[in-house]
């Protein structure tokens, strides 16, 4: 009984340390790391420390139940990693593209409106978690999504390979 308890305590401590070491806080992120694509024209923006912190909290509130770790629970082949976002139509690997998507989501090829299936501002009456999000909130969430590949590498949006 005591061995089992010690094993559980040791495992808990090791997992906690792994999470602490593997998670960068906003204060640890330099300006270069916080620089993300703004639009499809190639402009960039430096996320403020406040945006980084708020983006993480808002993502966890409104998105993580379906996109934990940047995967898409309903289709693990299409995640929130840089490559998948860049190959979407329109390109979603920038703040403007992701904000547009959160306002008016479409299929990966951009041809079909899926606002009745995917949380969006357009249908905030159906998806209540979107109801009170402002444009600044959407920008912070988009920033969080774009920042994660810089922090977690391929683990972010890595789909079935990592999650």
Protein backbone atom coordinates (compact mmCIF):
# COMPACT_ATOMS: atom_id res chain seq x y z
CA UNK A 1 0.00 0.00 0.00
CA UNK A 2 2.77 2.43 0.95
CA UNK A 3 4.79 1.54 -2.18
CA UNK A 4 1.76 2.32 -4.34
CA UNK A 5 1.27 5.66 -2.58
CA UNK A 6 4.96 6.54 -3.02
CA UNK A 7 4.74 5.58 -6.70
CA UNK A 8 1.73 7.84 -7.20
CA UNK A 9 3.43 10.74 -5.41
CA UNK A 10 6.64 10.35 -7.45
CA UNK A 11 4.69 10.11 -10.71
CA UNK A 12 2.69 13.22 -9.79
CA UNK A 13 5.83 15.19 -8.98
CA UNK A 14 7.54 14.13 -12.22
CA UNK A 15 4.50 15.04 -14.33
CA UNK A 16 4.18 18.38 -12.58
CA UNK A 17 7.85 19.19 -13.17
CA UNK A 18 7.54 18.18 -16.83
CA UNK A 19 4.57 20.51 -17.28
CA UNK A 20 6.39 23.39 -15.56
CA UNK A 21 9.58 22.94 -17.58
CA UNK A 22 7.68 22.40 -20.86
CA UNK A 23 5.40 25.40 -20.50
CA UNK A 24 6.74 28.84 -21.31
CA UNK A 25 5.13 31.75 -19.53
CA UNK A 26 4.46 35.04 -21.28
CA UNK A 27 7.32 36.68 -19.41
CA UNK A 28 9.81 34.14 -20.77
CA UNK A 29 8.95 34.86 -24.39
CA UNK A 30 11.20 37.34 -26.14
CA UNK A 31 10.02 39.73 -28.84
CA UNK A 32 11.24 37.50 -31.69
CA UNK A 33 9.22 34.58 -30.36
CA UNK A 34 6.15 36.78 -29.91
CA UNK A 35 6.36 37.98 -33.54
CA UNK A 36 3.69 36.25 -35.63
CA UNK A 37 2.25 36.72 -39.13
CA UNK A 38 -0.42 39.44 -39.26
CA UNK A 39 -1.86 38.87 -42.73
CA UNK A 40 -1.42 37.01 -46.00
CA UNK A 41 0.67 39.90 -47.38
CA UNK A 42 3.52 38.95 -45.03
CA UNK A 43 3.20 41.71 -42.44
CA UNK A 44 4.00 40.69 -38.86
CA UNK A 45 2.97 41.83 -35.42
CA UNK A 46 4.58 41.45 -32.00
CA UNK A 47 2.09 40.12 -29.49
CA UNK A 48 2.13 41.95 -26.18
CA UNK A 49 2.70 39.96 -23.01
CA UNK A 50 -0.92 40.74 -22.11
CA UNK A 51 -2.15 39.33 -25.44
CA UNK A 52 -0.11 36.16 -24.91
CA UNK A 53 -1.58 35.62 -21.46
CA UNK A 54 -5.14 36.48 -22.49
CA UNK A 55 -4.89 34.45 -25.69
CA UNK A 56 -4.01 31.32 -23.76
CA UNK A 57 -6.85 31.81 -21.27
CA UNK A 58 -9.39 32.59 -24.00
CA UNK A 59 -8.26 29.64 -26.13
CA UNK A 60 -8.64 27.35 -23.13
CA UNK A 61 -12.11 28.80 -22.47
CA UNK A 62 -13.53 28.82 -26.00
CA UNK A 63 -11.47 26.39 -28.10
CA UNK A 64 -9.56 23.80 -26.08
CA UNK A 65 -12.49 21.45 -25.57
CA UNK A 66 -12.18 20.55 -29.28
CA UNK A 67 -8.61 21.71 -30.03
CA UNK A 68 -6.52 20.68 -27.02
CA UNK A 69 -2.87 20.63 -28.04
CA UNK A 70 -3.80 22.15 -31.39
CA UNK A 71 -5.48 19.00 -32.69
CA UNK A 72 -9.01 18.88 -34.05
CA UNK A 73 -10.91 16.18 -32.18
CA UNK A 74 -13.38 15.67 -35.03
CA UNK A 75 -10.60 15.29 -37.64
CA UNK A 76 -7.13 14.57 -36.28
CA UNK A 77 -5.68 14.98 -39.78
CA UNK A 78 -6.45 18.72 -39.78
CA UNK A 79 -4.97 20.47 -36.77
CA UNK A 80 -3.90 23.96 -35.85
CA UNK A 81 -0.26 23.46 -36.76
CA UNK A 82 1.51 25.92 -39.05
CA UNK A 83 1.45 23.68 -42.13
CA UNK A 84 -2.25 22.84 -41.86
CA UNK A 85 -3.17 26.50 -41.35
CA UNK A 86 -0.98 27.60 -44.27
CA UNK A 87 -2.53 25.06 -46.64
CA UNK A 88 -6.13 25.99 -45.80
CA UNK A 89 -8.09 28.14 -48.23
CA UNK A 90 -7.97 30.95 -47.49
CA UNK A 91 -4.60 30.80 -45.72
CA UNK A 92 -5.21 30.77 -41.96
CA UNK A 93 -1.58 30.92 -40.86
CA UNK A 94 -1.88 34.57 -39.80
CA UNK A 95 -3.89 36.71 -37.38
CA UNK A 96 -6.27 38.07 -40.05
CA UNK A 97 -7.00 34.60 -41.48
CA UNK A 98 -7.74 33.07 -38.06
CA UNK A 99 -9.90 36.01 -36.96
CA UNK A 100 -11.83 35.72 -40.23
CA UNK A 101 -12.30 32.01 -39.56
CA UNK A 102 -13.55 32.61 -36.00
CA UNK A 103 -16.05 35.10 -37.41
CA UNK A 104 -17.13 33.01 -40.43
CA UNK A 105 -15.79 29.44 -40.40
CA UNK A 106 -15.61 27.47 -43.63
CA UNK A 107 -14.43 24.02 -44.64
CA UNK A 108 -10.70 23.51 -45.16
CA UNK A 109 -11.08 24.30 -48.87
CA UNK A 110 -12.99 27.50 -48.04
CA UNK A 111 -16.03 26.52 -50.07
CA UNK A 112 -18.71 25.68 -47.50
CA UNK A 113 -19.91 27.77 -44.56
CA UNK A 114 -19.76 25.65 -41.38
CA UNK A 115 -20.87 28.29 -38.88
CA UNK A 116 -23.70 26.03 -37.72
CA UNK A 117 -21.19 23.29 -36.87
CA UNK A 118 -18.14 25.21 -35.64
CA UNK A 119 -18.20 27.86 -32.90
CA UNK A 120 -18.13 31.32 -34.41
CA UNK A 121 -19.13 34.90 -33.78
CA UNK A 122 -21.59 34.54 -36.67
CA UNK A 123 -23.58 31.99 -34.66
CA UNK A 124 -22.83 33.10 -31.12
CA UNK A 125 -26.48 32.47 -30.29
CA UNK A 126 -25.78 28.74 -30.77
CA UNK A 127 -22.21 28.73 -29.44
CA UNK A 128 -22.49 30.67 -26.21
CA UNK A 129 -18.73 30.60 -25.49
CA UNK A 130 -18.32 32.96 -28.45
CA UNK A 131 -21.02 35.37 -27.30
CA UNK A 132 -18.89 37.85 -25.37
CA UNK A 133 -15.65 37.64 -27.35
CA UNK A 134 -14.47 40.95 -28.79
CA UNK A 135 -12.29 41.52 -31.85
CA UNK A 136 -9.33 41.99 -29.49
CA UNK A 137 -10.16 38.63 -27.88
CA UNK A 138 -10.17 36.95 -31.30
CA UNK A 139 -6.79 38.51 -32.09
CA UNK A 140 -5.40 37.21 -28.78
CA UNK A 141 -6.74 33.70 -29.50
CA UNK A 142 -5.27 33.79 -33.01
CA UNK A 143 -1.95 34.94 -31.53
CA UNK A 144 -1.99 32.02 -29.11
CA UNK A 145 -2.61 29.55 -31.95
CA UNK A 146 0.25 31.00 -34.02
CA UNK A 147 2.63 31.18 -31.06
CA UNK A 148 2.28 27.55 -30.00
CA UNK A 149 4.33 25.99 -32.84
CA UNK A 150 7.22 28.25 -31.77
CA UNK A 151 6.95 26.97 -28.21
CA UNK A 152 5.89 23.34 -28.66
CA UNK A 153 7.19 22.61 -32.15
CA UNK A 154 5.49 19.72 -33.95
CA UNK A 155 3.65 18.69 -30.80
CA UNK A 156 1.24 21.59 -31.41
CA UNK A 157 -1.31 20.34 -33.89
CA UNK A 158 0.62 17.09 -34.24
CA UNK A 159 -2.60 15.11 -34.26
CA UNK A 160 -2.50 11.38 -33.70
CA UNK A 161 1.28 11.42 -33.60
CA UNK A 162 1.37 13.26 -30.24
CA UNK A 163 -2.10 13.11 -28.69
